[in-house]
Amino acid sequence: MPYLELPGFGPVTLIRMFDLWYDLISTLVKCWRPETHTFHLLCGECTVTLEDVALQLGLPIDGSVVTGVSAIAEPTTLCYSLPGVSPNDEESKFTGLRFSWLKANFEY
């Protein structure tokens, strides 16, 4: 939680559960046009923007961008220094961590 609150993503942690409207989801899926990344509705085109997401979730969209790939010289050392344990070679090639390994080591 503190790591999400620091950049201002605290409100996202409050999202627990919501009711799905299956009819609405089905309708939106039918209206989605992947070639333009928009919804084509009776009233025209609708695009979901970053501002829309920010307003719905209460997230800040100003400040530095969090993206990209970083080069880590010793990923095993970094992984061990953060959670206190690191996977062996069969469990990860350090292009990512397997969820099964995370669950086995950090279930709670």
Protein backbone atom coordinates (compact mmCIF):
# COMPACT_ATOMS: atom_id res chain seq x y z
CA MET A 1 0.00 0.00 0.00
CA PRO A 2 2.68 2.59 0.82
CA TYR A 3 4.34 2.03 -2.55
CA LEU A 4 1.06 2.73 -4.34
CA GLU A 5 0.24 5.73 -2.17
CA LEU A 6 3.63 7.38 -2.71
CA PRO A 7 3.04 8.16 -6.44
CA GLY A 8 -0.65 8.94 -5.77
CA PHE A 9 -2.24 5.60 -6.70
CA GLY A 10 -3.82 5.09 -3.27
CA PRO A 11 -7.45 5.28 -4.47
CA VAL A 12 -6.92 2.21 -6.68
CA THR A 13 -6.28 0.08 -3.59
CA LEU A 14 -9.81 0.86 -2.42
CA ILE A 15 -11.36 -0.85 -5.45
CA ARG A 16 -12.39 -4.22 -4.11
CA MET A 17 -15.37 -5.63 -5.93
CA PHE A 18 -18.08 -4.43 -8.24
CA ASP A 19 -21.09 -5.95 -9.92
CA LEU A 20 -20.61 -6.83 -13.58
CA TRP A 21 -23.35 -5.85 -15.97
CA TYR A 22 -23.05 -8.67 -18.48
CA ASP A 23 -25.52 -7.10 -20.93
CA LEU A 24 -23.52 -3.86 -20.93
CA ILE A 25 -20.22 -5.71 -21.40
CA SER A 26 -21.67 -7.74 -24.29
CA THR A 27 -22.95 -4.59 -25.96
CA LEU A 28 -19.61 -2.82 -25.58
CA VAL A 29 -17.76 -5.82 -27.00
CA LYS A 30 -20.02 -5.74 -30.06
CA CYS A 31 -19.39 -1.99 -30.50
CA TRP A 32 -15.60 -2.20 -30.15
CA ARG A 33 -13.54 -1.63 -33.30
CA PRO A 34 -9.99 -2.90 -32.75
CA GLU A 35 -8.64 -1.21 -35.88
CA THR A 36 -9.41 2.26 -34.48
CA HIS A 37 -9.43 1.42 -30.74
CA THR A 38 -12.83 3.08 -30.33
CA PHE A 39 -16.41 2.17 -29.52
CA HIS A 40 -18.85 2.82 -32.37
CA LEU A 41 -22.16 3.75 -30.75
CA LEU A 42 -25.45 5.04 -32.19
CA CYS A 43 -24.46 8.59 -31.23
CA GLY A 44 -21.02 8.32 -32.88
CA GLU A 45 -17.52 7.28 -31.92
CA CYS A 46 -16.37 7.04 -28.33
CA THR A 47 -12.73 6.78 -27.27
CA VAL A 48 -11.66 5.98 -23.72
CA THR A 49 -8.89 8.43 -22.89
CA LEU A 50 -6.31 8.63 -20.13
CA GLU A 51 -8.33 11.50 -18.65
CA ASP A 52 -11.44 9.26 -18.53
CA VAL A 53 -9.54 6.60 -16.59
CA ALA A 54 -8.04 9.21 -14.26
CA LEU A 55 -11.47 10.67 -13.48
CA GLN A 56 -13.06 7.26 -12.88
CA LEU A 57 -10.27 5.93 -10.66
CA GLY A 58 -9.19 9.20 -9.08
CA LEU A 59 -5.61 8.81 -10.29
CA PRO A 60 -3.21 11.68 -10.87
CA ILE A 61 -2.05 11.94 -14.48
CA ASP A 62 0.51 14.67 -14.03
CA GLY A 63 4.15 14.18 -13.10
CA SER A 64 6.77 11.75 -14.32
CA VAL A 65 5.87 8.79 -16.52
CA VAL A 66 6.33 5.32 -15.06
CA THR A 67 7.30 3.14 -18.01
CA GLY A 68 10.19 1.59 -19.84
CA VAL A 69 12.72 -1.13 -19.34
CA SER A 70 15.71 -0.77 -17.10
CA ALA A 71 18.97 -2.67 -17.31
CA ILE A 72 19.80 -4.28 -13.99
CA ALA A 73 23.37 -5.51 -13.66
CA GLU A 74 22.70 -8.19 -11.01
CA PRO A 75 18.98 -9.08 -10.97
CA THR A 76 19.47 -11.94 -8.49
CA THR A 77 21.02 -9.59 -5.95
CA LEU A 78 18.30 -6.98 -6.46
CA CYS A 79 15.52 -9.55 -6.15
CA TYR A 80 17.04 -10.93 -2.93
CA SER A 81 17.53 -7.45 -1.46
CA LEU A 82 13.86 -6.48 -1.90
CA PRO A 83 11.74 -9.49 -0.82
CA GLY A 84 14.58 -11.38 0.92
CA VAL A 85 14.52 -14.40 -1.38
CA SER A 86 15.21 -14.96 -5.06
CA PRO A 87 14.20 -17.75 -7.45
CA ASN A 88 16.65 -20.33 -8.71
CA ASP A 89 17.51 -20.68 -12.41
CA GLU A 90 14.67 -23.13 -13.16
CA GLU A 91 12.07 -20.76 -11.72
CA SER A 92 13.13 -17.61 -13.55
CA LYS A 93 15.54 -16.34 -16.16
CA PHE A 94 14.97 -12.83 -14.79
CA THR A 95 12.88 -11.68 -17.67
CA GLY A 96 10.09 -11.96 -15.14
CA LEU A 97 8.93 -13.87 -12.10
CA ARG A 98 6.45 -16.72 -12.21
CA PHE A 99 3.25 -16.22 -10.26
CA SER A 100 3.54 -19.78 -8.93
CA TRP A 101 6.91 -18.86 -7.38
CA LEU A 102 5.51 -15.65 -5.89
CA LYS A 103 2.51 -17.50 -4.44
CA ALA A 104 4.68 -20.28 -3.02
CA ASN A 105 7.02 -17.79 -1.33
CA PHE A 106 4.65 -14.93 -0.46
CA GLU A 107 1.19 -16.44 -0.11
CA TYR A 108 0.30 -14.05 2.69
